[in-house]
Amino acid sequence: MQYEEIPTQQIIDKLRQTLGPRIGIAEPLLSGRENSTLAQNEDDEDIALLKTGFDIYNVPITSYQRRLGSVVIAVRKIVRKLLRPVLERQVIYNFANTRVVQTLSTQLQKLQENQQILEKRIESEFSSGSPEVTAQLETQQKAIAHFQSEIEQIKVVQEQHTAILEEITAQLLDRQP
């Protein structure tokens, strides 16, 4: 069974289009790709969406029905009054979450900046290299080259010994009756 990739960005865009007018979000915030100057990236756009849409109590009440429009609006106002305590608690919760998300986003940006600074510092220290480290590297490279030459010499001696052993073995086999 193969899993299809979930089109996350499409879902987010669709939710923004659908929910934006219902909760009174300004239209420019929804078109982040067209108005890239309003939000630097999708995270900024999401935080802006949270900031403008946390108050679900003060949503404009409208009706698109001509004949029953005033009745529908009156019923909605009554329902809003009945749900006021719940909606106010939800607004407070949404506001607190919006503040937390913005704080975390700011901290994340600072951490990313610090990480970039540290990466540059480490890169510059290793690229310029301290004299001690450079000297140690050169010493180790010379030692490795010396050991490799010794290994080659040992291989040559080993081959000579193998040849001598083969000669001795052949001579011993010739002497046996």
C-alpha atoms as a PDB file:
ATOM      1  CA  MET A   1       0.000   0.000   0.000  1.00  0.00           C
ATOM      2  CA  GLN A   2       1.556   3.272  -1.069  1.00  0.00           C
ATOM      3  CA  TYR A   3       0.934   6.486   0.789  1.00  0.00           C
ATOM      4  CA  GLU A   4       0.341   9.612  -1.206  1.00  0.00           C
ATOM      5  CA  GLU A   5       2.056  12.792  -0.132  1.00  0.00           C
ATOM      6  CA  ILE A   6      -0.361  15.129   1.615  1.00  0.00           C
ATOM      7  CA  PRO A   7      -0.535  18.512  -0.144  1.00  0.00           C
ATOM      8  CA  THR A   8      -0.015  20.489   3.071  1.00  0.00           C
ATOM      9  CA  GLN A   9       0.478  23.864   1.434  1.00  0.00           C
ATOM     10  CA  GLN A  10      -2.677  23.461  -0.638  1.00  0.00           C
ATOM     11  CA  ILE A  11      -4.666  22.596   2.476  1.00  0.00           C
ATOM     12  CA  ILE A  12      -3.290  25.626   4.338  1.00  0.00           C
ATOM     13  CA  ASP A  13      -4.065  27.933   1.415  1.00  0.00           C
ATOM     14  CA  LYS A  14      -7.606  26.535   1.143  1.00  0.00           C
ATOM     15  CA  LEU A  15      -8.212  26.985   4.883  1.00  0.00           C
ATOM     16  CA  ARG A  16      -6.994  30.560   4.699  1.00  0.00           C
ATOM     17  CA  GLN A  17      -9.282  31.296   1.783  1.00  0.00           C
ATOM     18  CA  THR A  18     -12.259  29.691   3.497  1.00  0.00           C
ATOM     19  CA  LEU A  19     -11.752  30.950   7.047  1.00  0.00           C
ATOM     20  CA  GLY A  20     -10.353  34.380   6.253  1.00  0.00           C
ATOM     21  CA  PRO A  21     -13.627  36.073   5.356  1.00  0.00           C
ATOM     22  CA  ARG A  22     -15.475  34.337   8.215  1.00  0.00           C
ATOM     23  CA  ILE A  23     -13.160  35.644  10.924  1.00  0.00           C
ATOM     24  CA  GLY A  24     -12.587  39.053   9.381  1.00  0.00           C
ATOM     25  CA  ILE A  25      -9.009  38.699   8.162  1.00  0.00           C
ATOM     26  CA  ALA A  26      -7.870  41.291   5.680  1.00  0.00           C
ATOM     27  CA  GLU A  27      -7.412  39.947   2.177  1.00  0.00           C
ATOM     28  CA  PRO A  28      -3.745  41.007   1.645  1.00  0.00           C
ATOM     29  CA  LEU A  29      -2.625  38.714   4.462  1.00  0.00           C
ATOM     30  CA  LEU A  30      -4.052  35.730   2.641  1.00  0.00           C
ATOM     31  CA  SER A  31      -2.166  36.296  -0.573  1.00  0.00           C
ATOM     32  CA  GLY A  32       1.366  35.901   0.789  1.00  0.00           C
ATOM     33  CA  ARG A  33       2.820  34.804  -2.520  1.00  0.00           C
ATOM     34  CA  GLU A  34       1.510  37.895  -4.281  1.00  0.00           C
ATOM     35  CA  ASN A  35       2.377  40.259  -1.405  1.00  0.00           C
ATOM     36  CA  SER A  36       5.745  38.950  -0.322  1.00  0.00           C
ATOM     37  CA  THR A  37       6.562  42.336   1.200  1.00  0.00           C
ATOM     38  CA  LEU A  38       3.902  41.874   3.912  1.00  0.00           C
ATOM     39  CA  ALA A  39       5.353  38.611   5.216  1.00  0.00           C
ATOM     40  CA  GLN A  40       8.916  37.407   4.810  1.00  0.00           C
ATOM     41  CA  ASN A  41       7.949  33.777   4.913  1.00  0.00           C
ATOM     42  CA  GLU A  42       5.074  31.451   5.642  1.00  0.00           C
ATOM     43  CA  ASP A  43       5.759  31.490   9.393  1.00  0.00           C
ATOM     44  CA  ASP A  44       5.362  35.252   9.534  1.00  0.00           C
ATOM     45  CA  GLU A  45       2.160  34.939   7.542  1.00  0.00           C
ATOM     46  CA  ASP A  46       0.801  32.299   9.910  1.00  0.00           C
ATOM     47  CA  ILE A  47       1.622  34.463  12.931  1.00  0.00           C
ATOM     48  CA  ALA A  48      -0.119  37.398  11.281  1.00  0.00           C
ATOM     49  CA  LEU A  49      -3.126  35.146  10.681  1.00  0.00           C
ATOM     50  CA  LEU A  50      -3.134  34.171  14.361  1.00  0.00           C
ATOM     51  CA  LYS A  51      -2.890  37.805  15.454  1.00  0.00           C
ATOM     52  CA  THR A  52      -5.787  38.956  13.317  1.00  0.00           C
ATOM     53  CA  GLY A  53      -8.005  35.932  13.855  1.00  0.00           C
ATOM     54  CA  PHE A  54      -7.728  35.152  17.568  1.00  0.00           C
ATOM     55  CA  ASP A  55     -10.878  37.131  18.491  1.00  0.00           C
ATOM     56  CA  ILE A  56     -13.702  34.819  17.477  1.00  0.00           C
ATOM     57  CA  TYR A  57     -16.266  36.686  19.581  1.00  0.00           C
ATOM     58  CA  ASN A  58     -16.271  39.941  17.629  1.00  0.00           C
ATOM     59  CA  VAL A  59     -16.872  38.407  14.221  1.00  0.00           C
ATOM     60  CA  PRO A  60     -19.255  40.467  12.073  1.00  0.00           C
ATOM     61  CA  ILE A  61     -22.719  38.944  11.888  1.00  0.00           C
ATOM     62  CA  THR A  62     -24.135  39.008   8.383  1.00  0.00           C
ATOM     63  CA  SER A  63     -26.782  37.241   6.390  1.00  0.00           C
ATOM     64  CA  TYR A  64     -27.047  36.746   2.667  1.00  0.00           C
ATOM     65  CA  GLN A  65     -30.791  36.065   2.706  1.00  0.00           C
ATOM     66  CA  ARG A  66     -32.981  38.945   1.627  1.00  0.00           C
ATOM     67  CA  ARG A  67     -36.282  38.042   3.223  1.00  0.00           C
ATOM     68  CA  LEU A  68     -35.130  36.436   6.456  1.00  0.00           C
ATOM     69  CA  GLY A  69     -31.871  38.334   6.812  1.00  0.00           C
ATOM     70  CA  SER A  70     -32.883  40.419   9.837  1.00  0.00           C
ATOM     71  CA  VAL A  71     -34.324  37.337  11.587  1.00  0.00           C
ATOM     72  CA  VAL A  72     -31.153  35.328  10.913  1.00  0.00           C
ATOM     73  CA  ILE A  73     -28.992  38.167  12.252  1.00  0.00           C
ATOM     74  CA  ALA A  74     -31.154  38.474  15.382  1.00  0.00           C
ATOM     75  CA  VAL A  75     -30.933  34.714  16.025  1.00  0.00           C
ATOM     76  CA  ARG A  76     -27.168  34.798  15.555  1.00  0.00           C
ATOM     77  CA  LYS A  77     -26.865  37.688  18.032  1.00  0.00           C
ATOM     78  CA  ILE A  78     -28.900  35.767  20.603  1.00  0.00           C
ATOM     79  CA  VAL A  79     -26.742  32.675  20.095  1.00  0.00           C
ATOM     80  CA  ARG A  80     -23.616  34.816  20.471  1.00  0.00           C
ATOM     81  CA  LYS A  81     -24.921  36.203  23.783  1.00  0.00           C
ATOM     82  CA  LEU A  82     -25.661  32.685  25.018  1.00  0.00           C
ATOM     83  CA  LEU A  83     -22.194  31.509  24.030  1.00  0.00           C
ATOM     84  CA  ARG A  84     -20.430  34.616  25.341  1.00  0.00           C
ATOM     85  CA  PRO A  85     -18.650  32.968  28.340  1.00  0.00           C
ATOM     86  CA  VAL A  86     -17.336  30.134  26.191  1.00  0.00           C
ATOM     87  CA  LEU A  87     -16.309  32.432  23.364  1.00  0.00           C
ATOM     88  CA  GLU A  88     -14.548  34.857  25.719  1.00  0.00           C
ATOM     89  CA  ARG A  89     -12.533  32.008  27.242  1.00  0.00           C
ATOM     90  CA  GLN A  90     -11.644  30.835  23.754  1.00  0.00           C
ATOM     91  CA  VAL A  91     -10.553  34.357  22.777  1.00  0.00           C
ATOM     92  CA  ILE A  92      -8.297  34.540  25.851  1.00  0.00           C
ATOM     93  CA  TYR A  93      -6.843  31.131  25.030  1.00  0.00           C
ATOM     94  CA  ASN A  94      -6.293  32.078  21.377  1.00  0.00           C
ATOM     95  CA  PHE A  95      -4.595  35.326  22.404  1.00  0.00           C
ATOM     96  CA  ALA A  96      -2.271  33.515  24.824  1.00  0.00           C
ATOM     97  CA  ASN A  97      -1.372  30.960  22.162  1.00  0.00           C
ATOM     98  CA  THR A  98      -0.690  33.725  19.666  1.00  0.00           C
ATOM     99  CA  ARG A  99       1.714  35.403  22.111  1.00  0.00           C
ATOM    100  CA  VAL A 100       3.464  32.098  22.842  1.00  0.00           C
ATOM    101  CA  VAL A 101       3.842  31.275  19.149  1.00  0.00           C
ATOM    102  CA  GLN A 102       5.229  34.724  18.402  1.00  0.00           C
ATOM    103  CA  THR A 103       7.689  34.481  21.318  1.00  0.00           C
ATOM    104  CA  LEU A 104       8.829  31.042  20.182  1.00  0.00           C
ATOM    105  CA  SER A 105       9.185  32.266  16.617  1.00  0.00           C
ATOM    106  CA  THR A 106      11.318  35.208  17.748  1.00  0.00           C
ATOM    107  CA  GLN A 107      13.493  32.929  19.868  1.00  0.00           C
ATOM    108  CA  LEU A 108      13.863  30.516  16.953  1.00  0.00           C
ATOM    109  CA  GLN A 109      14.989  33.339  14.672  1.00  0.00           C
ATOM    110  CA  LYS A 110      17.554  34.462  17.263  1.00  0.00           C
ATOM    111  CA  LEU A 111      18.828  30.899  17.660  1.00  0.00           C
ATOM    112  CA  GLN A 112      19.151  30.522  13.899  1.00  0.00           C
ATOM    113  CA  GLU A 113      21.091  33.785  13.690  1.00  0.00           C
ATOM    114  CA  ASN A 114      23.372  32.667  16.534  1.00  0.00           C
ATOM    115  CA  GLN A 115      23.904  29.323  14.833  1.00  0.00           C
ATOM    116  CA  GLN A 116      24.918  31.052  11.600  1.00  0.00           C
ATOM    117  CA  ILE A 117      27.336  33.307  13.504  1.00  0.00           C
ATOM    118  CA  LEU A 118      28.879  30.312  15.267  1.00  0.00           C
ATOM    119  CA  GLU A 119      29.168  28.358  12.016  1.00  0.00           C
ATOM    120  CA  LYS A 120      30.966  31.292  10.397  1.00  0.00           C
ATOM    121  CA  ARG A 121      33.270  31.655  13.388  1.00  0.00           C
ATOM    122  CA  ILE A 122      34.138  27.951  13.414  1.00  0.00           C
ATOM    123  CA  GLU A 123      34.654  27.964   9.656  1.00  0.00           C
ATOM    124  CA  SER A 124      36.960  30.987   9.837  1.00  0.00           C
ATOM    125  CA  GLU A 125      38.960  29.476  12.703  1.00  0.00           C
ATOM    126  CA  PHE A 126      39.452  26.200  10.874  1.00  0.00           C
ATOM    127  CA  SER A 127      40.095  27.773   7.485  1.00  0.00           C
ATOM    128  CA  SER A 128      42.758  30.118   8.824  1.00  0.00           C
ATOM    129  CA  GLY A 129      43.914  27.392  11.168  1.00  0.00           C
ATOM    130  CA  SER A 130      45.883  28.056  14.257  1.00  0.00           C
ATOM    131  CA  PRO A 131      49.659  27.541  13.873  1.00  0.00           C
ATOM    132  CA  GLU A 132      49.681  24.757  16.458  1.00  0.00           C
ATOM    133  CA  VAL A 133      47.026  22.770  14.628  1.00  0.00           C
ATOM    134  CA  THR A 134      48.751  23.293  11.279  1.00  0.00           C
ATOM    135  CA  ALA A 135      52.086  22.174  12.738  1.00  0.00           C
ATOM    136  CA  GLN A 136      50.494  19.088  14.287  1.00  0.00           C
ATOM    137  CA  LEU A 137      48.834  18.199  10.999  1.00  0.00           C
ATOM    138  CA  GLU A 138      52.136  18.511   9.132  1.00  0.00           C
ATOM    139  CA  THR A 139      53.924  16.397  11.751  1.00  0.00           C
ATOM    140  CA  GLN A 140      51.238  13.721  11.521  1.00  0.00           C
ATOM    141  CA  GLN A 141      51.368  13.757   7.716  1.00  0.00           C
ATOM    142  CA  LYS A 142      55.154  13.286   7.814  1.00  0.00           C
ATOM    143  CA  ALA A 143      54.785  10.448  10.321  1.00  0.00           C
ATOM    144  CA  ILE A 144      52.177   8.773   8.108  1.00  0.00           C
ATOM    145  CA  ALA A 145      54.456   9.092   5.075  1.00  0.00           C
ATOM    146  CA  HIS A 146      57.370   7.636   7.099  1.00  0.00           C
ATOM    147  CA  PHE A 147      55.237   4.696   8.250  1.00  0.00           C
ATOM    148  CA  GLN A 148      54.062   4.056   4.696  1.00  0.00           C
ATOM    149  CA  SER A 149      57.658   3.917   3.457  1.00  0.00           C
ATOM    150  CA  GLU A 150      58.547   1.533   6.291  1.00  0.00           C
ATOM    151  CA  ILE A 151      55.583  -0.658   5.363  1.00  0.00           C
ATOM    152  CA  GLU A 152      56.814  -0.766   1.762  1.00  0.00           C
ATOM    153  CA  GLN A 153      60.296  -1.772   2.955  1.00  0.00           C
ATOM    154  CA  ILE A 154      58.809  -4.503   5.154  1.00  0.00           C
ATOM    155  CA  LYS A 155      56.815  -5.801   2.187  1.00  0.00           C
ATOM    156  CA  VAL A 156      60.002  -5.990   0.085  1.00  0.00           C
ATOM    157  CA  VAL A 157      61.832  -7.869   2.861  1.00  0.00           C
ATOM    158  CA  GLN A 158      58.834 -10.153   3.309  1.00  0.00           C
ATOM    159  CA  GLU A 159      58.825 -10.963  -0.402  1.00  0.00           C
ATOM    160  CA  GLN A 160      62.559 -11.733  -0.210  1.00  0.00           C
ATOM    161  CA  HIS A 161      62.007 -14.025   2.779  1.00  0.00           C
ATOM    162  CA  THR A 162      59.142 -15.744   0.990  1.00  0.00           C
ATOM    163  CA  ALA A 163      61.387 -16.350  -2.023  1.00  0.00           C
ATOM    164  CA  ILE A 164      64.184 -17.733   0.196  1.00  0.00           C
ATOM    165  CA  LEU A 165      61.697 -19.995   2.014  1.00  0.00           C
ATOM    166  CA  GLU A 166      60.451 -21.311  -1.295  1.00  0.00           C
ATOM    167  CA  GLU A 167      64.032 -22.042  -2.363  1.00  0.00           C
ATOM    168  CA  ILE A 168      64.783 -23.847   0.891  1.00  0.00           C
ATOM    169  CA  THR A 169      61.541 -25.803   0.644  1.00  0.00           C
ATOM    170  CA  ALA A 170      62.380 -26.813  -2.936  1.00  0.00           C
ATOM    171  CA  GLN A 171      65.902 -27.877  -1.938  1.00  0.00           C
ATOM    172  CA  LEU A 172      64.570 -29.939   0.963  1.00  0.00           C
ATOM    173  CA  LEU A 173      62.092 -31.662  -1.279  1.00  0.00           C
ATOM    174  CA  ASP A 174      64.877 -32.487  -3.761  1.00  0.00           C
ATOM    175  CA  ARG A 175      67.045 -34.114  -1.024  1.00  0.00           C
ATOM    176  CA  GLN A 176      64.362 -36.437   0.213  1.00  0.00           C
ATOM    177  CA  PRO A 177      64.536 -39.909  -1.367  1.00  0.00           C
END
